[in-house]
Amino acid sequence: MEYQNVTLSLPKDVLKKAKILAIEQDSSLSGLMSRLLEELVSKGDNYHQARERHLAIFKKLDLGTGGRVNWNREDLHERR
C-alpha cells in the first residue's frame, strides 16, 4: 500500500488527548489516526454496499399494485 503524508490541524487539547490515547494503545498518533480513518471508510463502504443490496431486493418485490397508487389519504384515514 502506498502512503502519502497529510497535514492536519487540531485543537491543542484534542491533540494532547489523542497523543495520550495513542500511547495507551501502544501506537503512534499517525497509526491511531490511520486506523480510525480506515474504520470510518470501511463502515461507509459497508453501508453503501448494504444499501445497494437492499434496493435491488426492493426492486424485485411485487406488492400487487403494478406500480400504481389506487388510494388517497382519505381512503386510509377515515374521518367522522
C-alpha atoms as a PDB file:
ATOM      1  CA  MET A   1       0.000   0.000   0.000  1.00  0.00           C
ATOM      2  CA  GLU A   2       1.330   3.413  -0.924  1.00  0.00           C
ATOM      3  CA  TYR A   3       1.233   6.124   1.734  1.00  0.00           C
ATOM      4  CA  GLN A   4       1.037   9.891   1.497  1.00  0.00           C
ATOM      5  CA  ASN A   5       1.705  12.418   4.218  1.00  0.00           C
ATOM      6  CA  VAL A   6      -1.025  14.900   5.130  1.00  0.00           C
ATOM      7  CA  THR A   7      -1.141  17.971   7.312  1.00  0.00           C
ATOM      8  CA  LEU A   8      -3.834  18.056   9.945  1.00  0.00           C
ATOM      9  CA  SER A   9      -4.757  20.951  12.223  1.00  0.00           C
ATOM     10  CA  LEU A  10      -6.328  20.054  15.550  1.00  0.00           C
ATOM     11  CA  PRO A  11      -7.165  21.994  18.682  1.00  0.00           C
ATOM     12  CA  LYS A  12      -4.270  21.655  21.132  1.00  0.00           C
ATOM     13  CA  ASP A  13      -6.358  19.987  23.832  1.00  0.00           C
ATOM     14  CA  VAL A  14      -7.643  17.384  21.349  1.00  0.00           C
ATOM     15  CA  LEU A  15      -4.121  16.731  20.090  1.00  0.00           C
ATOM     16  CA  LYS A  16      -2.820  16.236  23.634  1.00  0.00           C
ATOM     17  CA  LYS A  17      -5.597  13.754  24.467  1.00  0.00           C
ATOM     18  CA  ALA A  18      -5.120  11.950  21.146  1.00  0.00           C
ATOM     19  CA  LYS A  19      -1.405  11.507  21.845  1.00  0.00           C
ATOM     20  CA  ILE A  20      -2.203  10.046  25.263  1.00  0.00           C
ATOM     21  CA  LEU A  21      -4.770   7.718  23.695  1.00  0.00           C
ATOM     22  CA  ALA A  22      -2.236   6.555  21.111  1.00  0.00           C
ATOM     23  CA  ILE A  23       0.319   5.824  23.834  1.00  0.00           C
ATOM     24  CA  GLU A  24      -2.280   3.879  25.833  1.00  0.00           C
ATOM     25  CA  GLN A  25      -2.988   1.786  22.739  1.00  0.00           C
ATOM     26  CA  ASP A  26       0.735   1.203  22.150  1.00  0.00           C
ATOM     27  CA  SER A  27       0.527   3.115  18.878  1.00  0.00           C
ATOM     28  CA  SER A  28       1.766   6.292  17.297  1.00  0.00           C
ATOM     29  CA  LEU A  29      -0.580   9.191  16.645  1.00  0.00           C
ATOM     30  CA  SER A  30      -0.196   8.516  12.935  1.00  0.00           C
ATOM     31  CA  GLY A  31      -1.074   4.841  13.446  1.00  0.00           C
ATOM     32  CA  LEU A  32      -4.079   5.714  15.584  1.00  0.00           C
ATOM     33  CA  MET A  33      -5.426   8.221  13.061  1.00  0.00           C
ATOM     34  CA  SER A  34      -4.794   5.853  10.174  1.00  0.00           C
ATOM     35  CA  ARG A  35      -6.650   3.005  11.888  1.00  0.00           C
ATOM     36  CA  LEU A  36      -9.602   5.234  12.828  1.00  0.00           C
ATOM     37  CA  LEU A  37      -9.914   6.634   9.310  1.00  0.00           C
ATOM     38  CA  GLU A  38      -9.705   3.143   7.806  1.00  0.00           C
ATOM     39  CA  GLU A  39     -12.537   2.005  10.106  1.00  0.00           C
ATOM     40  CA  LEU A  40     -14.632   5.036   9.182  1.00  0.00           C
ATOM     41  CA  VAL A  41     -14.129   4.483   5.452  1.00  0.00           C
ATOM     42  CA  SER A  42     -14.872   0.765   5.813  1.00  0.00           C
ATOM     43  CA  LYS A  43     -18.135   1.473   7.637  1.00  0.00           C
ATOM     44  CA  GLY A  44     -19.138   3.879   4.876  1.00  0.00           C
ATOM     45  CA  ASP A  45     -18.313   1.305   2.204  1.00  0.00           C
ATOM     46  CA  ASN A  46     -20.245  -1.401   4.055  1.00  0.00           C
ATOM     47  CA  TYR A  47     -23.261   0.903   4.386  1.00  0.00           C
ATOM     48  CA  HIS A  48     -23.317   1.691   0.671  1.00  0.00           C
ATOM     49  CA  GLN A  49     -22.945  -1.974  -0.271  1.00  0.00           C
ATOM     50  CA  ALA A  50     -25.802  -2.965   2.052  1.00  0.00           C
ATOM     51  CA  ARG A  51     -27.947  -0.137   0.709  1.00  0.00           C
ATOM     52  CA  GLU A  52     -27.411  -1.277  -2.885  1.00  0.00           C
ATOM     53  CA  ARG A  53     -28.251  -4.890  -1.951  1.00  0.00           C
ATOM     54  CA  HIS A  54     -31.469  -3.831  -0.243  1.00  0.00           C
ATOM     55  CA  LEU A  55     -32.525  -1.551  -3.088  1.00  0.00           C
ATOM     56  CA  ALA A  56     -32.027  -4.444  -5.504  1.00  0.00           C
ATOM     57  CA  ILE A  57     -34.257  -6.635  -3.318  1.00  0.00           C
ATOM     58  CA  PHE A  58     -36.950  -3.934  -3.187  1.00  0.00           C
ATOM     59  CA  LYS A  59     -36.956  -3.656  -6.970  1.00  0.00           C
ATOM     60  CA  LYS A  60     -37.791  -7.373  -7.199  1.00  0.00           C
ATOM     61  CA  LEU A  61     -40.752  -7.150  -4.795  1.00  0.00           C
ATOM     62  CA  ASP A  62     -44.230  -7.338  -6.244  1.00  0.00           C
ATOM     63  CA  LEU A  63     -46.675  -5.584  -3.960  1.00  0.00           C
ATOM     64  CA  GLY A  64     -49.575  -6.235  -6.310  1.00  0.00           C
ATOM     65  CA  THR A  65     -50.051  -2.594  -7.234  1.00  0.00           C
ATOM     66  CA  GLY A  66     -48.444  -2.707 -10.647  1.00  0.00           C
ATOM     67  CA  GLY A  67     -46.659   0.454  -9.644  1.00  0.00           C
ATOM     68  CA  ARG A  68     -49.900   2.416  -9.325  1.00  0.00           C
ATOM     69  CA  VAL A  69     -51.399   4.017  -6.261  1.00  0.00           C
ATOM     70  CA  ASN A  70     -55.135   3.335  -6.184  1.00  0.00           C
ATOM     71  CA  TRP A  71     -55.904   5.085  -2.924  1.00  0.00           C
ATOM     72  CA  ASN A  72     -55.746   8.513  -1.406  1.00  0.00           C
ATOM     73  CA  ARG A  73     -55.233   9.828   2.083  1.00  0.00           C
ATOM     74  CA  GLU A  74     -58.928   9.943   2.877  1.00  0.00           C
ATOM     75  CA  ASP A  75     -59.247   6.248   1.992  1.00  0.00           C
ATOM     76  CA  LEU A  76     -56.525   5.396   4.504  1.00  0.00           C
ATOM     77  CA  HIS A  77     -57.730   7.687   7.279  1.00  0.00           C
ATOM     78  CA  GLU A  78     -61.486   7.587   7.635  1.00  0.00           C
ATOM     79  CA  ARG A  79     -62.678  10.644   9.465  1.00  0.00           C
ATOM     80  CA  ARG A  80     -66.025  11.031  11.141  1.00  0.00           C
END
